[in-house]
Amino acid sequence: MDYLWSPWRYRYVSQAGKSSRCVFCKIAEGDPAEDRTSLVLFRGRFNFIVLNKFPYIVGHALIVPYAHLAEFPRLDAESLEEMMKLTQEYQTALEAVYHPDGYNWGMNLGQSAGAGVRDHLHLHVVPRWVGGENFMPVIAETRLLPEDLPTTYDKLAARFRRKEPS
């Protein structure tokens, strides 16, 4: 049997379910001076863009409303409009930095839909490349990332510096 070591996952596995505070609310309330540590690329008026700490692929990010709510129909018009605008802006940043061939956007709403964070809705933006997926996720349930998160953060955050919140 082969072993693939990913010791950074231990922090996630060992803390899963132990905090009663919403992970997205903690990030939203965090000090903007610590955004690189929390992987926040941009803070808008109603939403923020954060890299997924456990990405499917390089550049996988989340557009997250500051409002703590689980039901998409309850998202107000201003937050929804900004969410879509930030999704466009993030896709433009991905185009400039990584040149993906396509994208998946999606929300998993509710436990039966696969939501890892069920009580705070968020939109996944996942860049895709032709031939980018290999056998590892299917056979070994393992994802291979060619770049560490701080490097991805630095490349993409540069696209959002000097930008005013929407």
Protein backbone atom coordinates (compact mmCIF):
# COMPACT_ATOMS: atom_id res chain seq x y z
CA MET A 1 0.00 0.00 0.00
CA ASP A 2 1.25 3.50 -0.85
CA TYR A 3 0.90 6.41 1.55
CA LEU A 4 0.52 10.02 0.58
CA TRP A 5 1.29 12.34 3.47
CA SER A 6 -0.67 15.55 3.92
CA PRO A 7 0.07 16.66 7.49
CA TRP A 8 -1.59 20.06 6.97
CA ARG A 9 -4.96 18.26 6.82
CA TYR A 10 -4.59 17.22 10.46
CA ARG A 11 -5.49 20.74 11.62
CA TYR A 12 -8.80 20.43 9.77
CA VAL A 13 -9.56 16.84 10.77
CA SER A 14 -8.67 17.36 14.43
CA GLN A 15 -10.83 20.49 14.72
CA ALA A 16 -13.80 19.39 12.59
CA GLY A 17 -17.02 19.92 14.50
CA LYS A 18 -15.32 21.25 17.64
CA SER A 19 -16.04 24.95 17.14
CA SER A 20 -19.53 26.27 17.68
CA ARG A 21 -18.69 29.45 15.74
CA CYS A 22 -19.22 29.59 12.03
CA VAL A 23 -15.92 29.43 10.15
CA PHE A 24 -17.07 32.08 7.66
CA CYS A 25 -18.27 34.44 10.39
CA LYS A 26 -14.88 34.10 12.11
CA ILE A 27 -13.12 34.97 8.84
CA ALA A 28 -15.51 37.88 8.16
CA GLU A 29 -14.92 39.33 11.64
CA GLY A 30 -11.16 38.85 11.41
CA ASP A 31 -8.63 41.62 11.20
CA PRO A 32 -8.05 42.64 7.55
CA ALA A 33 -4.35 42.87 8.42
CA GLU A 34 -4.50 39.06 8.79
CA ASP A 35 -6.19 38.44 5.43
CA ARG A 36 -3.18 36.62 3.98
CA THR A 37 -3.26 34.15 6.88
CA SER A 38 -7.01 33.62 6.53
CA LEU A 39 -6.69 33.59 2.71
CA VAL A 40 -9.16 36.48 2.17
CA LEU A 41 -8.41 37.90 -1.28
CA PHE A 42 -10.91 40.74 -1.17
CA ARG A 43 -13.52 42.26 1.16
CA GLY A 44 -16.53 43.88 -0.46
CA ARG A 45 -19.43 45.66 1.24
CA PHE A 46 -21.65 42.56 1.46
CA ASN A 47 -19.38 39.62 0.53
CA PHE A 48 -15.76 38.54 0.61
CA ILE A 49 -13.61 36.30 -1.58
CA VAL A 50 -11.59 33.64 0.23
CA LEU A 51 -9.45 30.79 -1.10
CA ASN A 52 -10.69 27.37 -0.07
CA LYS A 53 -8.26 25.98 2.53
CA PHE A 54 -8.89 22.48 1.16
CA PRO A 55 -9.21 23.18 -2.58
CA TYR A 56 -10.28 20.82 -5.32
CA ILE A 57 -7.71 22.48 -7.58
CA VAL A 58 -5.46 25.56 -7.64
CA GLY A 59 -7.53 28.75 -7.52
CA HIS A 60 -10.63 27.21 -5.89
CA ALA A 61 -12.26 30.09 -4.01
CA LEU A 62 -15.49 30.94 -2.25
CA ILE A 63 -17.62 34.06 -2.54
CA VAL A 64 -19.17 34.42 0.91
CA PRO A 65 -21.80 36.90 2.13
CA TYR A 66 -21.12 38.53 5.49
CA ALA A 67 -24.71 37.76 6.46
CA HIS A 68 -24.92 34.44 8.30
CA LEU A 69 -27.76 32.63 6.56
CA ALA A 70 -28.27 29.24 5.04
CA GLU A 71 -31.25 29.86 2.77
CA PHE A 72 -30.41 31.33 -0.64
CA PRO A 73 -33.87 32.94 -1.07
CA ARG A 74 -33.16 35.05 2.05
CA LEU A 75 -30.09 36.68 0.47
CA ASP A 76 -30.94 40.33 -0.13
CA ALA A 77 -30.67 41.92 -3.58
CA GLU A 78 -27.56 44.00 -2.76
CA SER A 79 -25.65 40.98 -1.46
CA LEU A 80 -26.73 38.86 -4.42
CA GLU A 81 -25.73 41.54 -6.92
CA GLU A 82 -22.31 41.97 -5.31
CA MET A 83 -21.82 38.20 -5.08
CA MET A 84 -22.27 37.89 -8.83
CA LYS A 85 -20.06 40.93 -9.50
CA LEU A 86 -17.28 39.50 -7.31
CA THR A 87 -17.65 36.15 -9.07
CA GLN A 88 -17.07 37.93 -12.40
CA GLU A 89 -14.09 39.79 -10.99
CA TYR A 90 -12.61 36.63 -9.52
CA GLN A 91 -13.05 34.77 -12.81
CA THR A 92 -11.28 37.68 -14.56
CA ALA A 93 -8.39 37.37 -12.07
CA LEU A 94 -8.17 33.62 -12.69
CA GLU A 95 -8.11 34.25 -16.45
CA ALA A 96 -5.21 36.68 -16.09
CA VAL A 97 -3.15 34.52 -13.72
CA TYR A 98 -3.94 30.88 -14.57
CA HIS A 99 -5.75 30.84 -17.95
CA PRO A 100 -8.23 28.02 -17.16
CA ASP A 101 -10.21 26.34 -19.92
CA GLY A 102 -13.48 26.44 -17.99
CA TYR A 103 -15.15 26.88 -14.61
CA ASN A 104 -17.52 25.25 -12.19
CA TRP A 105 -19.63 27.54 -10.04
CA GLY A 106 -21.84 26.07 -7.40
CA MET A 107 -23.55 26.10 -4.05
CA ASN A 108 -24.22 23.07 -1.90
CA LEU A 109 -27.26 24.06 0.15
CA GLY A 110 -28.10 21.69 2.99
CA GLN A 111 -26.53 18.51 4.31
CA SER A 112 -28.10 16.25 1.67
CA ALA A 113 -26.60 18.48 -1.05
CA GLY A 114 -23.11 18.02 0.36
CA ALA A 115 -22.69 21.32 2.19
CA GLY A 116 -19.63 21.17 4.42
CA VAL A 117 -20.69 24.43 6.06
CA ARG A 118 -24.48 24.13 6.16
CA ASP A 119 -25.44 27.29 8.02
CA HIS A 120 -23.62 29.92 5.95
CA LEU A 121 -24.19 29.86 2.22
CA HIS A 122 -21.25 30.43 -0.11
CA LEU A 123 -20.54 30.14 -3.82
CA HIS A 124 -17.67 27.93 -4.99
CA VAL A 125 -15.68 29.09 -8.02
CA VAL A 126 -13.50 26.28 -9.36
CA PRO A 127 -11.25 26.78 -12.38
CA ARG A 128 -10.86 23.79 -14.71
CA TRP A 129 -8.33 22.75 -17.34
CA VAL A 130 -8.62 20.18 -20.11
CA GLY A 131 -6.73 17.19 -18.76
CA GLY A 132 -6.44 18.88 -15.36
CA GLU A 133 -8.07 16.04 -13.49
CA ASN A 134 -6.20 12.80 -13.36
CA PHE A 135 -6.89 9.42 -11.80
CA MET A 136 -5.91 10.46 -8.25
CA PRO A 137 -9.29 11.86 -7.08
CA VAL A 138 -11.14 8.81 -8.40
CA ILE A 139 -8.78 5.99 -7.52
CA ALA A 140 -6.99 7.31 -4.44
CA GLU A 141 -9.49 9.94 -3.23
CA THR A 142 -6.53 12.33 -3.27
CA ARG A 143 -6.12 15.71 -4.93
CA LEU A 144 -2.77 16.89 -6.19
CA LEU A 145 -2.08 20.61 -6.11
CA PRO A 146 0.94 21.90 -8.01
CA GLU A 147 1.19 25.05 -5.87
CA ASP A 148 0.90 25.86 -2.18
CA LEU A 149 -1.87 28.16 -0.90
CA PRO A 150 0.38 31.12 0.03
CA THR A 151 1.74 31.21 -3.53
CA THR A 152 -1.77 31.03 -5.01
CA TYR A 153 -2.88 33.75 -2.58
CA ASP A 154 -0.03 36.08 -3.54
CA LYS A 155 -0.65 35.67 -7.26
CA LEU A 156 -4.39 36.33 -7.01
CA ALA A 157 -4.37 38.96 -4.23
CA ALA A 158 -2.19 41.17 -6.43
CA ARG A 159 -5.18 41.43 -8.81
CA PHE A 160 -7.35 42.89 -6.01
CA ARG A 161 -4.92 45.36 -4.38
CA ARG A 162 -5.89 49.02 -4.78
CA LYS A 163 -9.44 47.98 -5.66
CA GLU A 164 -12.18 49.66 -3.70
CA PRO A 165 -15.00 47.51 -2.30
CA SER A 166 -17.96 47.18 -4.69
